[in-house]
Amino acid sequence: MKKAFFVLSALLFPLSGFCLDLTKGLSLSGTGTFVHQYMAKEKGDFKDENKGSGVLDVNLSFKPTESDEVFIRASFAKGNGLKKVNPFALSPNADDLFDDLHNVNGHPRDHLQELWYSHTFPLEKETNLRITVGIIDSTSFIDDNEYAGDEIEQFLNEGLVHNPLLNLPSYDAGVALEFERGNLHLRLVGIRSKNELDKYYTWIGAQVGYKWENALGKGNYRVCAFKTNKKFESWTGSYKTLKGFGLSVDQELIKGKLGGFLRFGWQDDKAQVDYKSMFSFGLNVNGSAWKREKDEMGIGYAYLKGPKQGEISHTHLFETYLKFHLFEFKSITSHLTFDYQYMADKLRNDKKEAHILGLRFNISF
């Protein structure tokens, strides 16, 4: 892992210097992230594991006009962390690692995650329509959350980064429409991807959201739903659709100091799915509580219930992290995060349980 870290650093710092030389309308940004996690077994048929990974994410954006943008995102990784040895249904690190970045979604494509063009149509005052076409990521449009939506800066476990029951596809051909009018937004997303059976399927998602600034502070309230075509195996051997809905809320509780989030999800279990329903909630504490405003602490819990036909009865997930701001120089910033997770999968006839300690270092430009 030492070698991976030095390779990551060597790749990152030349790019961060180059960022200052880009021309008007053309910008380069990125993040180098190193994660090391130790999984200590509490119960189950698996062993303790100690794994790490390094990832470099690079984003290139070209905006020839105020209404147009071309965007490219590529990622390069060393190692798979705990992903290959993880005994749980949820991954303790939601980031895309080495295997995720090769033959992306079963296609002969490595590293390239996003490549799209967008155009914004101004309709009237505080009203616009934006269309995005290309290789897109549905999580950029659906189930966003201010305090629980970024595995690089916030929670690591995928059960708290997004709603797993929405089956959000990423890095495939699609179209997104975004309508905004004041504090209200409506988003429609369509993506064609591949499932675990190597079958192409179509995923359609929609979200309605509202920004509400109240006595507590800023809040965002979102309702979303999705559906696929009949490309997923059922419990009886036929093929069914995936469909479900979710709620994603974030709200300041003490302005600038304390925030909270809440998620709820449900999906139809006629197809073979790991979970039928879920809810999660948590807090985000700003570092001003200990006189370091750029630090941050997160606390989150998720409960996921499996279908009657499935192997998993339910899952408990608890995660907390403490992120320290290390330094900031021009456009370069760095953070060090200490992370703890407790995961428990209650199976029909058994139980898996573990504590996961994590360390995350990142540097962004």
Protein backbone atom coordinates (compact mmCIF):
# COMPACT_ATOMS: atom_id res chain seq x y z
CA MET A 1 0.00 0.00 0.00
CA LYS A 2 2.97 2.33 0.53
CA LYS A 3 3.79 1.96 -3.15
CA ALA A 4 0.17 2.75 -4.09
CA PHE A 5 0.25 5.87 -1.95
CA PHE A 6 3.41 7.23 -3.57
CA VAL A 7 2.09 6.46 -7.06
CA LEU A 8 -1.11 8.32 -6.19
CA SER A 9 0.82 11.32 -4.88
CA ALA A 10 3.09 11.41 -7.92
CA LEU A 11 0.09 11.45 -10.23
CA LEU A 12 -1.80 14.03 -8.23
CA PHE A 13 0.63 16.86 -7.59
CA PRO A 14 1.60 17.55 -11.24
CA LEU A 15 -2.12 17.79 -12.08
CA SER A 16 -2.79 20.16 -9.22
CA GLY A 17 -0.12 22.53 -10.48
CA PHE A 18 -1.46 22.33 -14.04
CA CYS A 19 -4.87 23.46 -12.81
CA LEU A 20 -3.65 27.05 -12.53
CA ASP A 21 -2.70 27.22 -16.23
CA LEU A 22 -6.08 26.33 -17.78
CA THR A 23 -7.78 28.80 -20.09
CA LYS A 24 -11.10 30.59 -19.71
CA GLY A 25 -14.00 28.15 -19.82
CA LEU A 26 -11.76 25.13 -19.31
CA SER A 27 -11.23 23.82 -15.79
CA LEU A 28 -9.56 20.78 -14.27
CA SER A 29 -10.36 19.40 -10.83
CA GLY A 30 -9.80 16.17 -9.00
CA THR A 31 -9.23 14.27 -5.79
CA GLY A 32 -6.67 11.74 -4.65
CA THR A 33 -8.07 9.45 -1.95
CA PHE A 34 -6.32 6.84 0.17
CA VAL A 35 -8.47 4.56 2.37
CA HIS A 36 -7.31 1.86 4.75
CA GLN A 37 -9.83 -0.28 6.64
CA TYR A 38 -9.52 -3.01 9.27
CA MET A 39 -12.47 -5.39 9.64
CA ALA A 40 -12.67 -7.19 12.99
CA LYS A 41 -15.08 -10.14 13.05
CA GLU A 42 -17.59 -10.25 15.87
CA LYS A 43 -19.64 -13.17 14.54
CA GLY A 44 -19.85 -15.21 11.32
CA ASP A 45 -17.91 -17.49 9.01
CA PHE A 46 -15.23 -15.05 7.85
CA LYS A 47 -11.91 -13.75 9.14
CA ASP A 48 -10.44 -10.41 10.13
CA GLU A 49 -9.18 -8.41 7.17
CA ASN A 50 -6.84 -5.45 6.74
CA LYS A 51 -7.00 -3.80 3.29
CA GLY A 52 -6.36 -0.48 1.59
CA SER A 53 -6.90 1.34 -1.70
CA GLY A 54 -5.84 4.48 -3.53
CA VAL A 55 -7.96 6.37 -6.08
CA LEU A 56 -7.34 9.37 -8.32
CA ASP A 57 -10.47 11.06 -9.72
CA VAL A 58 -9.96 13.63 -12.49
CA ASN A 59 -12.66 15.95 -13.85
CA LEU A 60 -12.36 18.12 -16.96
CA SER A 61 -15.06 20.70 -17.68
CA PHE A 62 -15.36 22.93 -20.74
CA LYS A 63 -17.97 25.71 -20.76
CA PRO A 64 -17.84 27.56 -24.10
CA THR A 65 -20.91 29.60 -23.08
CA GLU A 66 -22.91 30.17 -19.90
CA SER A 67 -25.51 27.67 -21.17
CA ASP A 68 -23.29 24.86 -22.46
CA GLU A 69 -20.93 22.39 -20.79
CA VAL A 70 -18.89 19.37 -21.85
CA PHE A 71 -17.75 17.21 -18.94
CA ILE A 72 -15.33 14.27 -18.67
CA ARG A 73 -14.61 12.24 -15.54
CA ALA A 74 -12.05 9.45 -15.25
CA SER A 75 -10.80 7.47 -12.25
CA PHE A 76 -7.68 5.40 -11.65
CA ALA A 77 -7.32 3.05 -8.68
CA LYS A 78 -4.85 0.79 -6.94
CA GLY A 79 -6.36 -2.05 -4.92
CA ASN A 80 -9.90 -3.16 -4.10
CA GLY A 81 -9.88 -2.52 -0.36
CA LEU A 82 -12.29 -4.80 1.49
CA LYS A 83 -14.59 -5.26 -1.51
CA LYS A 84 -13.32 -8.72 -2.56
CA VAL A 85 -13.38 -10.10 0.99
CA ASN A 86 -16.46 -8.27 2.27
CA PRO A 87 -19.00 -10.81 3.66
CA PHE A 88 -21.83 -8.27 3.95
CA ALA A 89 -24.50 -7.24 1.45
CA LEU A 90 -23.41 -3.59 1.70
CA SER A 91 -19.91 -2.40 0.84
CA PRO A 92 -17.96 -0.61 3.63
CA ASN A 93 -16.40 1.64 0.96
CA ALA A 94 -18.76 2.99 -1.70
CA ASP A 95 -15.97 4.46 -3.84
CA ASP A 96 -15.17 2.93 -7.24
CA LEU A 97 -11.99 0.87 -6.88
CA PHE A 98 -9.71 -1.14 -9.21
CA ASP A 99 -12.16 -3.83 -10.40
CA ASP A 100 -15.01 -1.30 -10.67
CA LEU A 101 -12.95 0.79 -13.09
CA HIS A 102 -12.12 -2.01 -15.53
CA ASN A 103 -14.72 -3.21 -18.06
CA VAL A 104 -17.11 -0.69 -16.55
CA ASN A 105 -20.62 -2.21 -16.29
CA GLY A 106 -19.54 -5.09 -18.53
CA HIS A 107 -18.44 -2.80 -21.37
CA PRO A 108 -14.95 -2.85 -22.97
CA ARG A 109 -14.15 0.48 -21.31
CA ASP A 110 -11.71 1.24 -18.50
CA HIS A 111 -11.46 4.29 -16.20
CA LEU A 112 -13.85 6.56 -18.13
CA GLN A 113 -16.90 7.16 -15.92
CA GLU A 114 -18.67 10.19 -17.36
CA LEU A 115 -18.68 11.91 -20.74
CA TRP A 116 -21.61 14.20 -21.38
CA TYR A 117 -22.86 17.43 -22.90
CA SER A 118 -25.46 19.67 -21.26
CA HIS A 119 -27.39 22.72 -22.40
CA THR A 120 -29.48 25.02 -20.22
CA PHE A 121 -32.55 26.76 -21.66
CA PRO A 122 -33.52 29.91 -19.71
CA LEU A 123 -37.33 30.03 -19.78
CA GLU A 124 -38.14 33.02 -17.58
CA LYS A 125 -36.96 34.60 -14.34
CA GLU A 126 -35.73 31.90 -11.91
CA THR A 127 -36.96 29.20 -14.31
CA ASN A 128 -34.79 27.04 -16.56
CA LEU A 129 -34.61 23.66 -18.24
CA ARG A 130 -31.36 21.71 -18.52
CA ILE A 131 -30.78 18.64 -20.68
CA THR A 132 -27.77 16.33 -20.28
CA VAL A 133 -26.86 13.62 -22.81
CA GLY A 134 -24.03 11.08 -22.79
CA ILE A 135 -22.42 8.71 -20.30
CA ILE A 136 -23.96 9.88 -17.05
CA ASP A 137 -24.30 9.00 -13.36
CA SER A 138 -27.86 8.87 -12.00
CA THR A 139 -26.64 9.75 -8.49
CA SER A 140 -25.83 13.24 -9.78
CA PHE A 141 -29.57 13.82 -10.25
CA ILE A 142 -31.49 11.42 -7.96
CA ASP A 143 -31.29 10.91 -4.16
CA ASP A 144 -28.83 13.73 -3.48
CA ASN A 145 -28.33 14.77 0.14
CA GLU A 146 -26.33 17.57 1.72
CA TYR A 147 -25.01 15.47 4.62
CA ALA A 148 -24.98 11.91 3.25
CA GLY A 149 -24.07 11.71 -0.42
CA ASP A 150 -20.29 11.77 -0.89
CA GLU A 151 -18.09 8.77 -0.06
CA ILE A 152 -14.95 10.87 -0.51
CA GLU A 153 -15.85 13.56 2.03
CA GLN A 154 -18.62 12.07 4.22
CA PHE A 155 -19.80 8.52 5.07
CA LEU A 156 -17.92 5.62 3.48
CA ASN A 157 -20.52 2.83 3.63
CA GLU A 158 -22.79 2.59 0.60
CA GLY A 159 -25.81 2.17 2.87
CA LEU A 160 -25.44 5.79 4.01
CA VAL A 161 -24.04 7.36 0.83
CA HIS A 162 -27.22 6.64 -1.17
CA ASN A 163 -30.46 4.70 -0.90
CA PRO A 164 -29.51 1.14 -2.01
CA LEU A 165 -33.14 0.29 -2.83
CA LEU A 166 -33.26 2.80 -5.70
CA ASN A 167 -30.75 0.65 -7.66
CA LEU A 168 -29.14 3.81 -9.03
CA PRO A 169 -27.10 3.03 -12.20
CA SER A 170 -23.90 4.89 -12.96
CA TYR A 171 -21.54 5.41 -15.89
CA ASP A 172 -23.78 4.38 -18.78
CA ALA A 173 -25.53 6.02 -21.72
CA GLY A 174 -28.48 8.12 -20.70
CA VAL A 175 -30.44 11.35 -20.76
CA ALA A 176 -31.36 13.67 -17.89
CA LEU A 177 -33.87 16.53 -17.83
CA GLU A 178 -33.83 19.08 -15.00
CA PHE A 179 -36.54 21.69 -14.59
CA GLU A 180 -36.03 24.36 -11.93
CA ARG A 181 -38.43 27.08 -10.89
CA GLY A 182 -37.37 29.03 -7.83
CA ASN A 183 -36.97 26.57 -4.95
CA LEU A 184 -38.70 23.72 -6.79
CA HIS A 185 -37.03 21.17 -9.06
CA LEU A 186 -38.18 18.23 -11.18
CA ARG A 187 -35.68 15.74 -12.59
CA LEU A 188 -36.21 12.88 -15.05
CA VAL A 189 -33.42 10.41 -15.83
CA GLY A 190 -33.23 7.50 -18.26
CA ILE A 191 -30.21 5.17 -18.45
CA ARG A 192 -29.52 1.95 -20.35
CA SER A 193 -27.20 -0.36 -18.43
CA LYS A 194 -26.28 -4.02 -17.82
CA ASN A 195 -27.31 -6.14 -14.83
CA GLU A 196 -25.57 -9.06 -13.11
CA LEU A 197 -27.14 -11.47 -15.63
CA ASP A 198 -25.34 -9.56 -18.41
CA LYS A 199 -28.68 -8.37 -19.75
CA TYR A 200 -29.27 -4.83 -20.97
CA TYR A 201 -32.04 -3.02 -19.12
CA THR A 202 -33.59 0.44 -19.05
CA TRP A 203 -33.82 2.39 -15.78
CA ILE A 204 -36.17 5.37 -15.51
CA GLY A 205 -36.07 7.62 -12.44
CA ALA A 206 -37.79 10.82 -11.35
CA GLN A 207 -37.36 13.23 -8.45
CA VAL A 208 -39.31 16.20 -7.13
CA GLY A 209 -37.47 18.42 -4.67
CA TYR A 210 -38.03 21.62 -2.73
CA LYS A 211 -35.58 23.93 -0.97
CA TRP A 212 -37.07 25.33 2.21
CA GLU A 213 -35.35 27.94 4.35
CA ASN A 214 -37.12 28.04 7.69
CA ALA A 215 -36.47 29.12 11.29
CA LEU A 216 -33.97 26.28 11.75
CA GLY A 217 -31.99 27.03 8.59
CA LYS A 218 -31.76 25.60 5.07
CA GLY A 219 -33.52 22.37 4.20
CA ASN A 220 -33.97 20.15 1.14
CA TYR A 221 -36.91 17.77 0.75
CA ARG A 222 -37.00 15.23 -2.09
CA VAL A 223 -39.28 12.40 -3.24
CA CYS A 224 -38.08 10.02 -5.95
CA ALA A 225 -39.22 6.87 -7.76
CA PHE A 226 -37.84 4.47 -10.35
CA LYS A 227 -38.78 1.57 -12.60
CA THR A 228 -36.98 -0.80 -14.99
CA ASN A 229 -38.18 -3.14 -17.72
CA LYS A 230 -38.54 -6.91 -17.17
CA LYS A 231 -34.88 -7.94 -17.13
CA PHE A 232 -34.40 -9.14 -13.55
CA GLU A 233 -34.81 -12.72 -12.36
CA SER A 234 -37.70 -13.44 -10.00
CA TRP A 235 -37.88 -16.03 -7.21
CA THR A 236 -39.80 -18.35 -9.57
CA GLY A 237 -37.39 -18.14 -12.50
CA SER A 238 -39.33 -15.66 -14.67
CA TYR A 239 -38.24 -12.08 -15.27
CA LYS A 240 -39.68 -9.06 -13.46
CA THR A 241 -39.22 -5.31 -13.26
CA LEU A 242 -37.51 -3.46 -10.44
CA LYS A 243 -39.54 -0.58 -9.07
CA GLY A 244 -39.66 1.49 -5.93
CA PHE A 245 -39.59 4.93 -4.36
CA GLY A 246 -37.62 6.90 -1.79
CA LEU A 247 -37.45 10.02 0.36
CA SER A 248 -34.30 12.07 0.97
CA VAL A 249 -34.26 14.98 3.43
CA ASP A 250 -31.53 17.20 4.84
CA GLN A 251 -32.20 20.06 7.22
CA GLU A 252 -30.10 22.46 9.26
CA LEU A 253 -31.03 22.12 12.94
CA ILE A 254 -28.72 24.80 14.33
CA LYS A 255 -27.73 27.16 11.53
CA GLY A 256 -24.13 26.64 10.46
CA LYS A 257 -23.44 24.22 13.32
CA LEU A 258 -25.70 21.16 13.24
CA GLY A 259 -27.63 19.41 10.49
CA GLY A 260 -29.65 16.25 10.15
CA PHE A 261 -30.63 13.86 7.36
CA LEU A 262 -33.31 11.24 6.79
CA ARG A 263 -33.90 8.65 4.09
CA PHE A 264 -36.63 6.12 3.46
CA GLY A 265 -36.91 3.55 0.69
CA TRP A 266 -39.18 0.77 -0.57
CA GLN A 267 -38.96 -1.53 -3.57
CA ASP A 268 -41.11 -4.32 -4.96
CA ASP A 269 -39.69 -7.76 -4.11
CA LYS A 270 -41.14 -9.82 -6.97
CA ALA A 271 -37.64 -9.78 -8.45
CA GLN A 272 -34.72 -11.20 -6.46
CA VAL A 273 -33.55 -8.27 -4.33
CA ASP A 274 -31.52 -8.07 -1.12
CA TYR A 275 -33.84 -5.61 0.63
CA LYS A 276 -37.50 -4.61 0.46
CA SER A 277 -37.51 -1.53 2.70
CA MET A 278 -35.06 0.74 4.53
CA PHE A 279 -34.66 3.89 6.54
CA SER A 280 -31.59 5.85 7.63
CA PHE A 281 -30.97 8.99 9.62
CA GLY A 282 -28.10 10.90 11.18
CA LEU A 283 -26.42 14.13 12.18
CA ASN A 284 -23.70 16.37 10.76
CA VAL A 285 -21.73 18.44 13.29
CA ASN A 286 -19.67 21.40 12.11
CA GLY A 287 -16.19 21.80 13.62
CA SER A 288 -17.09 25.20 15.03
CA ALA A 289 -18.19 23.22 18.10
CA TRP A 290 -14.46 22.73 18.85
CA LYS A 291 -13.35 26.01 17.20
CA ARG A 292 -12.29 24.43 13.87
CA GLU A 293 -14.98 25.43 11.36
CA LYS A 294 -13.50 23.38 8.51
CA ASP A 295 -13.64 20.12 10.48
CA GLU A 296 -16.71 17.91 10.43
CA MET A 297 -18.29 14.99 12.26
CA GLY A 298 -20.97 12.64 10.95
CA ILE A 299 -23.12 10.07 12.75
CA GLY A 300 -25.49 7.78 10.84
CA TYR A 301 -27.64 4.69 11.25
CA ALA A 302 -29.47 2.55 8.67
CA TYR A 303 -31.90 -0.35 8.98
CA LEU A 304 -32.67 -2.46 5.93
CA LYS A 305 -35.29 -5.23 5.85
CA GLY A 306 -35.01 -8.16 3.45
CA PRO A 307 -37.84 -9.86 1.52
CA LYS A 308 -39.43 -13.02 2.94
CA GLN A 309 -37.93 -15.16 0.17
CA GLY A 310 -34.41 -13.76 0.60
CA GLU A 311 -31.43 -14.93 2.60
CA ILE A 312 -31.15 -11.71 4.64
CA SER A 313 -33.75 -11.00 7.32
CA HIS A 314 -32.44 -7.51 8.10
CA THR A 315 -29.29 -5.40 8.33
CA HIS A 316 -28.12 -2.93 10.96
CA LEU A 317 -25.52 -0.33 9.99
CA PHE A 318 -23.95 2.33 12.20
CA GLU A 319 -21.18 4.66 11.05
CA THR A 320 -19.47 7.69 12.51
CA TYR A 321 -16.58 9.72 11.14
CA LEU A 322 -14.45 12.64 12.26
CA LYS A 323 -12.87 14.68 9.46
CA PHE A 324 -9.99 17.07 10.12
CA HIS A 325 -9.03 19.86 7.73
CA LEU A 326 -5.25 19.55 7.28
CA PHE A 327 -4.28 22.42 5.00
CA GLU A 328 -5.37 24.68 2.17
CA PHE A 329 -3.04 26.26 -0.38
CA LYS A 330 -4.50 28.18 -3.32
CA SER A 331 -6.81 25.61 -4.99
CA ILE A 332 -5.46 22.61 -3.05
CA THR A 333 -7.16 21.30 0.10
CA SER A 334 -6.55 18.21 2.20
CA HIS A 335 -8.47 16.26 4.87
CA LEU A 336 -7.82 13.33 7.19
CA THR A 337 -10.82 11.27 8.34
CA PHE A 338 -11.13 8.66 11.08
CA ASP A 339 -14.06 6.30 10.47
CA TYR A 340 -15.85 3.59 12.46
CA GLN A 341 -18.55 1.22 11.19
CA TYR A 342 -20.62 -1.50 12.82
CA MET A 343 -22.32 -3.89 10.40
CA ALA A 344 -24.66 -6.80 11.14
CA ASP A 345 -26.48 -8.97 8.59
CA LYS A 346 -29.12 -11.14 10.29
CA LEU A 347 -29.60 -14.13 8.01
CA ARG A 348 -32.47 -16.61 8.21
CA ASN A 349 -30.28 -19.19 9.98
CA ASP A 350 -27.12 -17.28 10.89
CA LYS A 351 -25.66 -13.86 11.64
CA LYS A 352 -22.68 -11.87 10.37
CA GLU A 353 -21.33 -9.08 12.52
CA ALA A 354 -18.17 -6.94 12.41
CA HIS A 355 -16.53 -3.69 13.48
CA ILE A 356 -14.65 -1.76 10.78
CA LEU A 357 -12.04 0.87 11.57
CA GLY A 358 -11.05 3.17 8.75
CA LEU A 359 -8.59 5.92 7.88
CA ARG A 360 -9.14 8.17 4.86
CA PHE A 361 -6.73 10.78 3.51
CA ASN A 362 -7.63 12.93 0.55
CA ILE A 363 -6.25 15.90 -1.28
CA SER A 364 -8.40 17.89 -3.72
CA PHE A 365 -7.64 20.48 -6.34
